Amino acid sequence: MRYTPAGLPALDLQLKHESEVTEDGAPRKVLMELRAVAIGVITQALNAMSLGQGGLFGGFLAAARNGRGVLFHITSVEPLA
């Protein structure tokens, strides 16, 4: 947990997705990791989750501050059991 210059709580994290889909009739394994950030009240729900726990995350994509890559800003989360 860190705090922004405005005093808001912030969490920097990495989300990982693994699944299998069908592409052109053949199975394909999908693996992806995405840098993410949560700012404000949403950090409480994320802080209560266990490391590696699944969840449904909502938010938006934006350019990273350093201009390298994409950053997912988490605005909602529904933890999975």
N, C-alpha and C. Protein backbone atom coordinates (compact mmCIF):
# COMPACT_ATOMS: atom_id res chain seq x y z
N MET A 1 0.85 -1.18 0.00
CA MET A 1 0.00 0.00 0.00
C MET A 1 0.90 1.23 0.00
N ARG A 2 0.55 2.16 -0.85
CA ARG A 2 1.25 3.44 -0.87
C ARG A 2 0.17 4.52 -0.88
N TYR A 3 0.59 5.76 -0.83
CA TYR A 3 -0.36 6.87 -0.85
C TYR A 3 0.05 7.87 -1.92
N THR A 4 -0.93 8.39 -2.63
CA THR A 4 -0.67 9.38 -3.67
C THR A 4 -0.32 10.71 -3.01
N PRO A 5 0.22 11.66 -3.76
CA PRO A 5 0.49 12.99 -3.18
C PRO A 5 -0.76 13.64 -2.58
N ALA A 6 -1.94 13.25 -3.09
CA ALA A 6 -3.19 13.79 -2.56
C ALA A 6 -3.66 13.04 -1.31
N GLY A 7 -2.89 12.01 -0.89
CA GLY A 7 -3.24 11.27 0.31
C GLY A 7 -4.16 10.09 0.09
N LEU A 8 -4.45 9.72 -1.16
CA LEU A 8 -5.32 8.59 -1.44
C LEU A 8 -4.53 7.29 -1.39
N PRO A 9 -5.13 6.21 -0.83
CA PRO A 9 -4.43 4.93 -0.84
C PRO A 9 -4.34 4.40 -2.27
N ALA A 10 -3.23 3.74 -2.58
CA ALA A 10 -3.03 3.18 -3.92
C ALA A 10 -2.31 1.84 -3.82
N LEU A 11 -2.70 0.91 -4.68
CA LEU A 11 -2.05 -0.40 -4.76
C LEU A 11 -1.57 -0.62 -6.19
N ASP A 12 -0.32 -0.99 -6.35
CA ASP A 12 0.22 -1.38 -7.65
C ASP A 12 0.26 -2.89 -7.65
N LEU A 13 -0.30 -3.50 -8.68
CA LEU A 13 -0.33 -4.95 -8.72
C LEU A 13 -0.23 -5.49 -10.14
N GLN A 14 -0.13 -6.80 -10.22
CA GLN A 14 -0.04 -7.49 -11.50
C GLN A 14 -1.19 -8.49 -11.55
N LEU A 15 -1.98 -8.43 -12.61
CA LEU A 15 -3.06 -9.39 -12.80
C LEU A 15 -2.60 -10.44 -13.80
N LYS A 16 -3.00 -11.69 -13.55
CA LYS A 16 -2.62 -12.79 -14.43
C LYS A 16 -3.88 -13.52 -14.86
N HIS A 17 -3.97 -13.81 -16.16
CA HIS A 17 -5.12 -14.53 -16.72
C HIS A 17 -4.62 -15.77 -17.44
N GLU A 18 -5.30 -16.90 -17.21
CA GLU A 18 -5.02 -18.15 -17.91
C GLU A 18 -6.34 -18.77 -18.30
N SER A 19 -6.47 -19.17 -19.56
CA SER A 19 -7.67 -19.86 -20.00
C SER A 19 -7.38 -20.61 -21.28
N GLU A 20 -8.38 -21.34 -21.75
CA GLU A 20 -8.27 -22.02 -23.03
C GLU A 20 -9.50 -21.66 -23.86
N VAL A 21 -9.28 -21.28 -25.09
CA VAL A 21 -10.35 -20.90 -26.00
C VAL A 21 -10.21 -21.71 -27.28
N THR A 22 -11.24 -21.65 -28.12
CA THR A 22 -11.19 -22.30 -29.42
C THR A 22 -10.99 -21.23 -30.48
N GLU A 23 -9.98 -21.43 -31.30
CA GLU A 23 -9.70 -20.50 -32.40
C GLU A 23 -9.62 -21.32 -33.68
N ASP A 24 -10.49 -21.02 -34.61
CA ASP A 24 -10.54 -21.72 -35.89
C ASP A 24 -10.65 -23.22 -35.70
N GLY A 25 -11.46 -23.63 -34.71
CA GLY A 25 -11.71 -25.04 -34.46
C GLY A 25 -10.65 -25.76 -33.65
N ALA A 26 -9.59 -25.08 -33.27
CA ALA A 26 -8.52 -25.72 -32.49
C ALA A 26 -8.39 -25.05 -31.12
N PRO A 27 -8.08 -25.84 -30.08
CA PRO A 27 -7.91 -25.24 -28.75
C PRO A 27 -6.63 -24.39 -28.71
N ARG A 28 -6.73 -23.30 -27.98
CA ARG A 28 -5.58 -22.42 -27.83
C ARG A 28 -5.50 -21.98 -26.37
N LYS A 29 -4.32 -22.10 -25.79
CA LYS A 29 -4.10 -21.67 -24.42
C LYS A 29 -3.80 -20.17 -24.44
N VAL A 30 -4.44 -19.43 -23.54
CA VAL A 30 -4.24 -17.98 -23.45
C VAL A 30 -3.62 -17.66 -22.09
N LEU A 31 -2.48 -16.99 -22.12
CA LEU A 31 -1.79 -16.56 -20.91
C LEU A 31 -1.50 -15.07 -21.05
N MET A 32 -1.80 -14.29 -20.01
CA MET A 32 -1.56 -12.86 -20.07
C MET A 32 -1.30 -12.31 -18.69
N GLU A 33 -0.35 -11.38 -18.59
CA GLU A 33 -0.12 -10.64 -17.36
C GLU A 33 -0.25 -9.17 -17.69
N LEU A 34 -0.85 -8.43 -16.77
CA LEU A 34 -1.15 -7.03 -17.00
C LEU A 34 -0.85 -6.23 -15.74
N ARG A 35 -0.10 -5.15 -15.90
CA ARG A 35 0.15 -4.26 -14.76
C ARG A 35 -1.14 -3.51 -14.45
N ALA A 36 -1.41 -3.32 -13.16
CA ALA A 36 -2.65 -2.67 -12.75
C ALA A 36 -2.40 -1.77 -11.56
N VAL A 37 -3.33 -0.84 -11.37
CA VAL A 37 -3.29 0.06 -10.21
C VAL A 37 -4.71 0.26 -9.71
N ALA A 38 -4.85 0.40 -8.41
CA ALA A 38 -6.13 0.71 -7.78
C ALA A 38 -5.90 1.91 -6.88
N ILE A 39 -6.81 2.88 -6.95
CA ILE A 39 -6.66 4.10 -6.17
C ILE A 39 -7.97 4.38 -5.44
N GLY A 40 -7.88 4.70 -4.17
CA GLY A 40 -9.05 5.09 -3.39
C GLY A 40 -9.69 3.93 -2.65
N VAL A 41 -10.99 3.99 -2.51
CA VAL A 41 -11.76 3.04 -1.70
C VAL A 41 -11.60 1.60 -2.18
N ILE A 42 -11.45 1.37 -3.48
CA ILE A 42 -11.34 0.02 -4.03
C ILE A 42 -10.14 -0.73 -3.45
N THR A 43 -9.14 -0.02 -2.94
CA THR A 43 -7.96 -0.68 -2.37
C THR A 43 -8.33 -1.53 -1.15
N GLN A 44 -9.39 -1.16 -0.42
CA GLN A 44 -9.81 -1.94 0.75
C GLN A 44 -10.24 -3.35 0.34
N ALA A 45 -11.04 -3.45 -0.71
CA ALA A 45 -11.50 -4.76 -1.19
C ALA A 45 -10.33 -5.59 -1.71
N LEU A 46 -9.41 -4.95 -2.43
CA LEU A 46 -8.26 -5.67 -2.96
C LEU A 46 -7.32 -6.12 -1.85
N ASN A 47 -7.14 -5.30 -0.85
CA ASN A 47 -6.26 -5.62 0.27
C ASN A 47 -6.80 -6.81 1.06
N ALA A 48 -8.12 -7.01 1.06
CA ALA A 48 -8.74 -8.11 1.78
C ALA A 48 -8.63 -9.43 1.02
N MET A 49 -8.28 -9.39 -0.26
CA MET A 49 -8.16 -10.60 -1.06
C MET A 49 -6.83 -11.30 -0.77
N SER A 50 -6.81 -12.61 -0.96
CA SER A 50 -5.58 -13.39 -0.80
C SER A 50 -4.75 -13.33 -2.07
N LEU A 51 -3.45 -13.44 -1.92
CA LEU A 51 -2.56 -13.50 -3.06
C LEU A 51 -2.93 -14.71 -3.92
N GLY A 52 -3.14 -14.50 -5.21
CA GLY A 52 -3.50 -15.57 -6.12
C GLY A 52 -4.99 -15.84 -6.22
N GLN A 53 -5.80 -15.16 -5.40
CA GLN A 53 -7.26 -15.35 -5.44
C GLN A 53 -7.82 -14.77 -6.73
N GLY A 54 -8.74 -15.49 -7.34
CA GLY A 54 -9.36 -15.02 -8.57
C GLY A 54 -10.38 -13.95 -8.31
N GLY A 55 -10.69 -13.21 -9.34
CA GLY A 55 -11.70 -12.17 -9.22
C GLY A 55 -12.11 -11.65 -10.58
N LEU A 56 -13.24 -10.97 -10.61
CA LEU A 56 -13.70 -10.29 -11.82
C LEU A 56 -13.39 -8.81 -11.62
N PHE A 57 -12.53 -8.28 -12.48
CA PHE A 57 -12.05 -6.91 -12.33
C PHE A 57 -12.63 -6.02 -13.41
N GLY A 58 -13.08 -4.84 -13.03
CA GLY A 58 -13.57 -3.85 -13.98
C GLY A 58 -12.72 -2.61 -13.90
N GLY A 59 -12.66 -1.88 -15.00
CA GLY A 59 -11.86 -0.66 -14.99
C GLY A 59 -11.60 -0.17 -16.40
N PHE A 60 -10.47 0.51 -16.58
CA PHE A 60 -10.14 1.05 -17.89
C PHE A 60 -8.65 0.97 -18.14
N LEU A 61 -8.27 0.96 -19.41
CA LEU A 61 -6.87 0.92 -19.81
C LEU A 61 -6.39 2.33 -20.11
N ALA A 62 -5.16 2.62 -19.72
CA ALA A 62 -4.55 3.91 -20.02
C ALA A 62 -3.05 3.68 -20.23
N ALA A 63 -2.42 4.63 -20.89
CA ALA A 63 -0.97 4.56 -21.07
C ALA A 63 -0.30 4.69 -19.71
N ALA A 64 0.77 3.94 -19.51
CA ALA A 64 1.53 4.06 -18.27
C ALA A 64 2.17 5.44 -18.20
N ARG A 65 2.42 5.91 -17.00
CA ARG A 65 2.97 7.26 -16.82
C ARG A 65 4.29 7.46 -17.56
N ASN A 66 5.10 6.42 -17.60
CA ASN A 66 6.39 6.53 -18.26
C ASN A 66 6.29 6.34 -19.78
N GLY A 67 5.07 6.12 -20.26
CA GLY A 67 4.85 5.95 -21.69
C GLY A 67 5.19 4.56 -22.21
N ARG A 68 5.55 3.65 -21.32
CA ARG A 68 5.90 2.29 -21.71
C ARG A 68 4.77 1.34 -21.38
N GLY A 69 4.01 0.96 -22.36
CA GLY A 69 2.97 -0.04 -22.16
C GLY A 69 1.66 0.52 -21.68
N VAL A 70 0.84 -0.40 -21.19
CA VAL A 70 -0.53 -0.11 -20.78
C VAL A 70 -0.68 -0.41 -19.30
N LEU A 71 -1.53 0.36 -18.63
CA LEU A 71 -1.82 0.17 -17.22
C LEU A 71 -3.33 0.04 -17.06
N PHE A 72 -3.77 -1.02 -16.38
CA PHE A 72 -5.20 -1.24 -16.13
C PHE A 72 -5.56 -0.58 -14.80
N HIS A 73 -6.46 0.37 -14.83
CA HIS A 73 -6.93 1.05 -13.62
C HIS A 73 -8.16 0.33 -13.11
N ILE A 74 -8.05 -0.30 -11.95
CA ILE A 74 -9.15 -1.09 -11.39
C ILE A 74 -10.14 -0.16 -10.70
N THR A 75 -11.41 -0.25 -11.11
CA THR A 75 -12.46 0.55 -10.48
C THR A 75 -13.50 -0.31 -9.77
N SER A 76 -13.50 -1.62 -10.04
CA SER A 76 -14.42 -2.53 -9.34
C SER A 76 -13.81 -3.92 -9.29
N VAL A 77 -14.18 -4.69 -8.28
CA VAL A 77 -13.70 -6.06 -8.16
C VAL A 77 -14.76 -6.90 -7.49
N GLU A 78 -14.91 -8.13 -8.00
CA GLU A 78 -15.80 -9.11 -7.38
C GLU A 78 -14.94 -10.35 -7.10
N PRO A 79 -14.52 -10.53 -5.85
CA PRO A 79 -13.66 -11.68 -5.54
C PRO A 79 -14.38 -13.00 -5.80
N LEU A 80 -13.63 -13.99 -6.28
CA LEU A 80 -14.15 -15.34 -6.49
C LEU A 80 -13.64 -16.24 -5.39
N ALA A 81 -14.43 -17.18 -4.99
CA ALA A 81 -14.05 -18.09 -3.89
C ALA A 81 -12.94 -19.01 -4.26
